[in-house]
Protein backbone atom coordinates (compact mmCIF):
# COMPACT_ATOMS: atom_id res chain seq x y z
CA MET A 1 107.13 79.41 108.95
CA PRO A 2 108.17 81.68 106.04
CA ALA A 3 105.71 83.44 103.83
CA GLU A 4 103.57 81.75 101.12
CA ARG A 5 103.47 84.48 98.49
CA LEU A 6 105.17 87.81 97.93
CA HIS A 7 103.48 90.62 96.06
CA LEU A 8 105.51 93.36 94.57
CA VAL A 9 103.25 96.34 94.16
CA ARG A 10 104.00 99.47 92.10
CA HIS A 11 102.86 102.91 93.48
CA GLY A 12 99.99 104.73 91.95
CA GLU A 13 100.05 107.73 89.70
CA VAL A 14 102.18 110.60 90.98
CA HIS A 15 101.28 114.35 90.81
CA ASN A 16 103.76 115.48 88.19
CA PRO A 17 102.41 118.45 86.25
CA HIS A 18 105.71 119.28 84.67
CA ARG A 19 106.34 115.66 83.62
CA VAL A 20 109.86 115.48 84.93
CA LEU A 21 111.81 112.32 85.82
CA TYR A 22 111.28 112.43 89.53
CA GLY A 23 113.48 109.49 90.68
CA ARG A 24 114.29 109.89 94.31
CA LEU A 25 113.44 113.62 94.56
CA PRO A 26 111.29 114.52 97.52
CA GLY A 27 107.88 116.22 97.15
CA PHE A 28 106.34 113.82 94.54
CA SER A 29 103.19 112.51 96.05
CA LEU A 30 100.37 110.60 94.63
CA SER A 31 97.74 112.39 92.64
CA ASP A 32 94.00 111.89 93.48
CA ALA A 33 93.84 109.22 90.69
CA GLY A 34 97.02 107.62 92.13
CA ARG A 35 95.37 107.25 95.54
CA ARG A 36 92.47 105.47 93.84
CA MET A 37 94.82 103.17 92.06
CA ALA A 38 96.50 102.26 95.28
CA ARG A 39 93.23 101.50 96.80
CA GLU A 40 92.25 99.32 93.91
CA ALA A 41 95.55 97.43 94.12
CA ALA A 42 94.86 96.80 97.87
CA GLU A 43 91.36 95.75 97.20
CA TYR A 44 92.69 93.33 94.56
CA VAL A 45 95.06 91.66 96.97
CA LYS A 46 92.22 91.47 99.52
CA GLY A 47 90.04 89.76 96.92
CA LEU A 48 92.63 86.93 96.71
CA ASP A 49 91.33 85.93 100.12
CA ARG A 50 94.75 85.30 101.48
CA PRO A 51 96.11 86.60 104.82
CA VAL A 52 98.67 89.30 104.46
CA THR A 53 100.96 89.29 107.52
CA ALA A 54 103.69 91.75 106.45
CA LEU A 55 103.81 95.09 104.57
CA VAL A 56 107.05 96.69 103.40
CA CYS A 57 107.59 99.84 101.36
CA SER A 58 110.11 102.16 99.91
CA PRO A 59 110.80 105.38 101.85
CA LEU A 60 109.63 107.67 99.00
CA GLU A 61 106.38 109.46 99.53
CA ARG A 62 104.67 107.80 96.63
CA ALA A 63 105.39 104.36 97.94
CA GLN A 64 104.45 105.18 101.52
CA GLU A 65 101.11 106.65 100.33
CA SER A 66 100.40 103.60 98.14
CA ALA A 67 101.02 101.34 101.12
CA GLU A 68 98.33 103.19 103.24
CA PRO A 69 95.32 101.23 101.89
CA PHE A 70 97.07 97.99 102.49
CA ALA A 71 97.89 99.01 106.01
CA GLU A 72 94.15 99.90 106.55
CA ILE A 73 92.66 96.83 105.03
CA PHE A 74 95.04 94.35 106.61
CA GLY A 75 95.64 96.14 109.90
CA LEU A 76 99.42 96.30 109.39
CA THR A 77 102.13 98.76 110.11
CA PRO A 78 104.32 99.36 107.10
CA VAL A 79 108.01 98.74 107.41
CA ILE A 80 110.26 101.06 105.49
CA ASP A 81 113.15 99.36 103.58
CA ASP A 82 115.59 101.45 101.72
CA ARG A 83 116.60 98.46 99.61
CA VAL A 84 113.24 98.69 97.58
CA ILE A 85 113.77 102.26 96.68
CA GLU A 86 113.81 103.90 93.18
CA PRO A 87 117.32 103.62 91.63
CA THR A 88 119.56 106.75 91.24
CA ASN A 89 119.43 108.54 87.93
CA VAL A 90 121.48 111.45 86.56
CA PHE A 91 118.36 112.90 84.80
CA GLU A 92 116.37 113.46 87.89
CA GLY A 93 114.31 116.66 87.84
CA ARG A 94 114.54 117.01 84.07
CA ARG A 95 112.18 116.36 81.19
CA MET A 96 113.65 113.51 79.23
CA VAL A 97 112.78 114.89 75.88
CA ARG A 98 114.70 118.07 76.54
CA ALA A 99 117.53 116.24 78.26
CA LEU A 100 118.23 113.84 75.41
CA ALA A 101 118.06 116.72 72.89
CA ASN A 102 121.21 118.08 74.39
CA PRO A 103 124.30 116.35 73.02
CA TRP A 104 126.15 116.99 76.23
CA ASN A 105 123.95 114.43 77.93
CA TRP A 106 124.65 111.74 75.44
CA ARG A 107 127.67 110.56 77.37
CA HIS A 108 125.40 109.29 80.05
CA LEU A 109 123.98 106.78 77.40
CA ARG A 110 127.28 105.07 76.49
CA LYS A 111 126.76 101.86 78.38
CA PRO A 112 122.96 101.05 78.42
CA ALA A 113 123.61 97.54 79.69
CA LEU A 114 124.68 98.81 83.06
CA PRO A 115 123.05 101.39 82.74
CA SER A 116 125.59 104.30 82.66
CA TRP A 117 122.92 106.91 83.59
CA GLY A 118 122.17 105.49 87.01
CA GLU A 119 122.43 102.63 89.53
CA ALA A 120 123.62 99.38 87.99
CA TYR A 121 120.88 96.77 87.21
CA ALA A 122 122.79 94.16 89.00
CA ASP A 123 122.94 96.32 92.17
CA VAL A 124 119.15 96.89 91.95
CA ILE A 125 118.47 93.22 91.48
CA GLY A 126 120.79 92.36 94.43
CA ARG A 127 119.20 94.69 96.95
CA MET A 128 115.77 93.77 95.79
CA ASN A 129 116.55 90.05 96.27
CA HIS A 130 117.94 90.58 99.74
CA ALA A 131 114.86 92.68 100.77
CA MET A 132 112.46 90.09 99.35
CA THR A 133 114.23 87.13 100.95
CA ASP A 134 114.35 88.86 104.39
CA ALA A 135 110.70 89.76 104.20
CA TRP A 136 109.80 86.20 103.18
CA GLU A 137 111.88 84.52 105.86
CA SER A 138 110.62 86.86 108.63
CA ALA A 139 106.96 86.61 107.90
CA ASP A 140 104.70 84.65 110.12
CA SER A 141 103.38 82.59 107.21
CA GLY A 142 100.67 84.31 105.06
CA ASP A 143 101.63 86.61 102.22
CA VAL A 144 103.95 89.76 102.08
CA VAL A 145 103.24 92.90 100.23
CA ILE A 146 106.21 95.15 99.13
CA VAL A 147 105.34 98.44 97.63
CA SER A 148 108.17 99.54 95.31
CA HIS A 149 108.81 101.27 91.91
CA GLN A 150 108.67 100.24 88.26
CA LEU A 151 112.33 99.49 87.51
CA PRO A 152 113.06 97.53 90.68
CA ILE A 153 110.07 95.36 90.04
CA TRP A 154 110.88 95.01 86.36
CA VAL A 155 114.40 93.93 86.72
CA THR A 156 113.51 91.58 89.45
CA HIS A 157 111.03 89.90 87.02
CA LEU A 158 113.88 89.72 84.41
CA ALA A 159 116.24 88.29 86.82
CA VAL A 160 113.70 85.65 88.03
CA ALA A 161 112.89 84.78 84.45
CA GLY A 162 116.54 84.38 83.51
CA LEU A 163 116.47 87.15 81.04
CA PRO A 164 119.04 89.90 80.33
CA SER A 165 118.57 92.98 82.60
CA ARG A 166 119.30 95.37 79.58
CA HIS A 167 116.00 96.48 78.22
CA ASP A 168 113.78 99.18 76.53
CA PRO A 169 112.13 101.14 79.38
CA ARG A 170 109.20 101.72 77.08
CA GLU A 171 108.53 98.01 77.00
CA ARG A 172 108.30 97.34 80.69
CA ARG A 173 105.32 95.27 81.88
CA CYS A 174 104.85 97.10 85.15
CA ALA A 175 101.78 99.48 85.09
CA LEU A 176 100.87 101.87 87.94
CA SER A 177 99.53 99.93 90.90
CA SER A 178 100.24 96.61 89.19
CA VAL A 179 100.88 93.46 91.33
CA THR A 180 103.69 90.92 90.40
CA THR A 181 103.41 87.93 92.63
CA PHE A 182 106.32 85.51 93.55
CA GLU A 183 106.85 82.29 95.47
CA MET A 184 110.13 80.92 96.77
CA ARG A 185 110.63 77.37 95.66
CA ASP A 186 113.55 75.32 96.96
CA GLY A 187 115.35 78.58 97.72
CA THR A 188 114.73 80.12 94.21
CA TRP A 189 112.23 82.81 93.29
CA ALA A 190 109.51 81.88 90.78
CA GLU A 191 107.05 84.30 89.39
CA ARG A 192 103.43 83.27 89.82
CA SER A 193 101.26 85.92 88.31
CA TYR A 194 100.92 89.53 87.22
CA ALA A 195 97.81 91.70 87.42
CA GLU A 196 96.81 95.26 86.63
CA PRO A 197 93.78 95.73 88.91
CA ALA A 198 93.75 99.54 88.83
CA SER A 199 92.15 101.59 86.07
CA THR A 200 94.96 103.75 84.54
CA SER A 201 93.14 105.23 81.62
CA GLY A 202 94.26 108.75 81.14
CA SER A 203 97.04 108.60 83.65
CA VAL A 204 100.36 110.19 83.42
CA ASP A 205 103.27 107.82 83.78
CA VAL A 206 106.40 109.65 82.61
CA GLY A 207 108.42 110.11 85.81
CA ALA A 208 109.68 106.66 86.41
CA VAL A 209 113.52 105.85 86.24
């Protein structure tokens, strides 16, 4: 049997003292608060009192670390899937306020619907859909947890809801260690719920693509 529910979980807070856009750069691990957030997300899923039979995560450090409490609680070995990774972005390693103050960088903003500064939204949606479907179909019933990143989760939500993928990044509903839950109904994804189980008060969340 395929899975019953699929939870897209965002990673916890990242240690990012210089507040750069970290994207796919190595060396950006969870802060102490981020580890607590990841634990709270895992405890939330545990509290649903549903069997979790599969755990998938992005290859980036912050996602693998956020998957650790799920692995511990549910006794699972995380499967790394490159398809749920953060998108590419030309502004990686920079502080966005400074980068956008430079007119030379405005050329990267010419087509926000794609977007022109990184991986196309359509490509992100496509790879996330394939990863979710494969995880769903290969699960031995129960639920699946996929630990990913803000933009892949958000554009997946938009696609499932039938909304345009172009959006204002400041208006994303995808908090640190949030849980967005889906079901497959007659071959089509349907969003079931969204939850923010982790306390994020005072957190720094400026590094997302």
